[in-house]
Amino acid sequence: QVQLAESGGGLVQAGGSLRLSCLASGRISSIYAMDWFRQAPGKERDFVARITQMVGTTRYADSVMGRFTISRDNAKNVVYLQMNSLIPEDTAVYYCAGEKTPGRYDYWGQGTQVTVSS
């Protein structure tokens, strides 16, 4: 099993930055890729960014391309989401997820709230 714990959320003004962290513990070797998702009130959970554990290949949602950066520190078992140029539409609960096989989200964190004020 793998446990994921997000941190780093908070309240920030539009144009500001935040860095989210996702600490993984347990059977880390079983993870193929790590992802960030977000869910705004009354909306579905949407994909934000992804990074593969071995090669570090990244992928982003169009809405965050050029503003958000996903990275990892395998020595610390942490995945980061650097969020710059934040806009009110980025307000959501942000979740990290772990894939054992591509496209299958086997592990989820509890989420961290990000609020961007205008």
Protein backbone atom coordinates (compact mmCIF):
# COMPACT_ATOMS: atom_id res chain seq x y z
CA GLN A 1 0.00 0.00 0.00
CA VAL A 2 0.96 3.63 -0.54
CA GLN A 3 -0.11 6.62 1.51
CA LEU A 4 -0.13 10.12 0.05
CA ALA A 5 -0.25 13.37 2.00
CA GLU A 6 -0.58 16.80 0.40
CA SER A 7 0.51 20.07 1.95
CA GLY A 8 1.18 23.65 0.95
CA GLY A 9 -2.29 24.91 0.17
CA GLY A 10 -3.58 28.26 1.35
CA LEU A 11 -4.97 31.65 0.42
CA VAL A 12 -3.14 33.74 -2.15
CA GLN A 13 -3.95 36.80 -4.22
CA ALA A 14 -4.33 36.58 -7.97
CA GLY A 15 -0.94 36.69 -9.64
CA GLY A 16 0.73 35.01 -6.69
CA SER A 17 2.40 31.64 -6.31
CA LEU A 18 2.10 28.53 -4.18
CA ARG A 19 4.00 25.27 -4.08
CA LEU A 20 2.15 22.12 -3.17
CA SER A 21 3.90 19.01 -1.92
CA CYS A 22 2.79 15.39 -1.94
CA LEU A 23 4.69 13.06 0.36
CA ALA A 24 4.45 9.37 -0.46
CA SER A 25 5.08 6.59 2.03
CA GLY A 26 4.78 2.84 1.93
CA ARG A 27 5.46 0.74 -1.15
CA ILE A 28 6.83 3.56 -3.29
CA SER A 29 8.42 1.20 -5.79
CA SER A 30 4.97 0.21 -7.05
CA ILE A 31 4.21 3.71 -8.37
CA TYR A 32 4.54 4.30 -12.11
CA ALA A 33 3.48 7.96 -12.17
CA MET A 34 2.19 10.68 -9.88
CA ASP A 35 -0.54 13.12 -10.74
CA TRP A 36 -2.18 16.26 -9.46
CA PHE A 37 -5.94 16.73 -9.79
CA ARG A 38 -8.20 19.49 -8.55
CA GLN A 39 -11.86 19.82 -7.72
CA ALA A 40 -13.68 23.13 -7.50
CA PRO A 41 -16.99 23.43 -5.63
CA GLY A 42 -19.82 21.87 -7.60
CA LYS A 43 -17.49 20.60 -10.33
CA GLU A 44 -15.87 17.33 -11.24
CA ARG A 45 -12.33 16.43 -10.32
CA ASP A 46 -10.04 17.49 -13.17
CA PHE A 47 -6.57 16.44 -14.18
CA VAL A 48 -3.86 19.07 -13.66
CA ALA A 49 -0.42 17.52 -14.17
CA ARG A 50 1.45 14.23 -14.28
CA ILE A 51 5.03 13.04 -13.92
CA THR A 52 6.41 9.55 -14.41
CA GLN A 53 8.61 8.29 -11.61
CA MET A 54 11.48 6.78 -13.56
CA VAL A 55 11.98 9.04 -16.56
CA GLY A 56 10.26 12.18 -15.31
CA THR A 57 8.07 12.70 -18.34
CA THR A 58 5.52 15.42 -17.66
CA ARG A 59 2.10 16.32 -18.98
CA TYR A 60 -0.21 19.24 -18.18
CA ALA A 61 -3.78 20.30 -18.60
CA ASP A 62 -4.13 23.12 -21.13
CA SER A 63 -5.54 25.40 -18.44
CA VAL A 64 -2.30 25.34 -16.42
CA MET A 65 0.30 24.95 -19.18
CA GLY A 66 3.06 27.52 -18.77
CA ARG A 67 1.95 28.48 -15.25
CA PHE A 68 2.28 25.24 -13.25
CA THR A 69 5.30 22.94 -13.02
CA ILE A 70 5.30 19.42 -11.65
CA SER A 71 8.53 17.93 -10.34
CA ARG A 72 9.71 15.14 -8.07
CA ASP A 73 12.43 14.35 -5.59
CA ASN A 74 12.67 10.58 -5.55
CA ALA A 75 15.17 10.62 -2.69
CA LYS A 76 12.57 12.33 -0.50
CA ASN A 77 9.53 10.59 -2.03
CA VAL A 78 7.95 13.96 -2.72
CA VAL A 79 6.16 15.35 -5.77
CA TYR A 80 5.75 19.09 -6.08
CA LEU A 81 3.36 21.34 -7.95
CA GLN A 82 4.73 24.84 -8.38
CA MET A 83 1.85 27.15 -9.24
CA ASN A 84 2.61 30.62 -10.60
CA SER A 85 0.43 33.39 -11.98
CA LEU A 86 -2.52 32.05 -10.06
CA ILE A 87 -6.01 33.14 -11.06
CA PRO A 88 -9.31 32.83 -9.16
CA GLU A 89 -10.30 29.95 -11.45
CA ASP A 90 -7.49 27.92 -9.89
CA THR A 91 -9.39 27.84 -6.60
CA ALA A 92 -10.04 24.21 -5.73
CA VAL A 93 -9.08 21.33 -3.50
CA TYR A 94 -5.91 19.84 -4.97
CA TYR A 95 -5.29 16.11 -4.74
CA CYS A 96 -2.27 14.03 -5.57
CA ALA A 97 -2.74 10.54 -6.98
CA GLY A 98 -0.50 7.59 -7.67
CA GLU A 99 -0.67 5.26 -10.66
CA LYS A 100 0.45 1.66 -10.34
CA THR A 101 -0.25 1.18 -14.03
CA PRO A 102 -0.73 3.96 -16.58
CA GLY A 103 -4.16 5.52 -16.31
CA ARG A 104 -5.19 3.72 -13.17
CA TYR A 105 -5.29 5.95 -10.09
CA ASP A 106 -4.81 3.53 -7.24
CA TYR A 107 -3.82 5.93 -4.49
CA TRP A 108 -5.18 9.31 -3.43
CA GLY A 109 -4.28 11.89 -0.85
CA GLN A 110 -6.76 13.74 1.33
CA GLY A 111 -6.44 17.01 -0.59
CA THR A 112 -5.29 20.52 0.20
CA GLN A 113 -7.33 23.69 -0.32
CA VAL A 114 -6.05 26.41 -2.62
CA THR A 115 -7.98 29.69 -2.69
CA VAL A 116 -7.05 32.51 -5.05
CA SER A 117 -8.62 35.87 -4.32
CA SER A 118 -9.20 38.49 -7.00
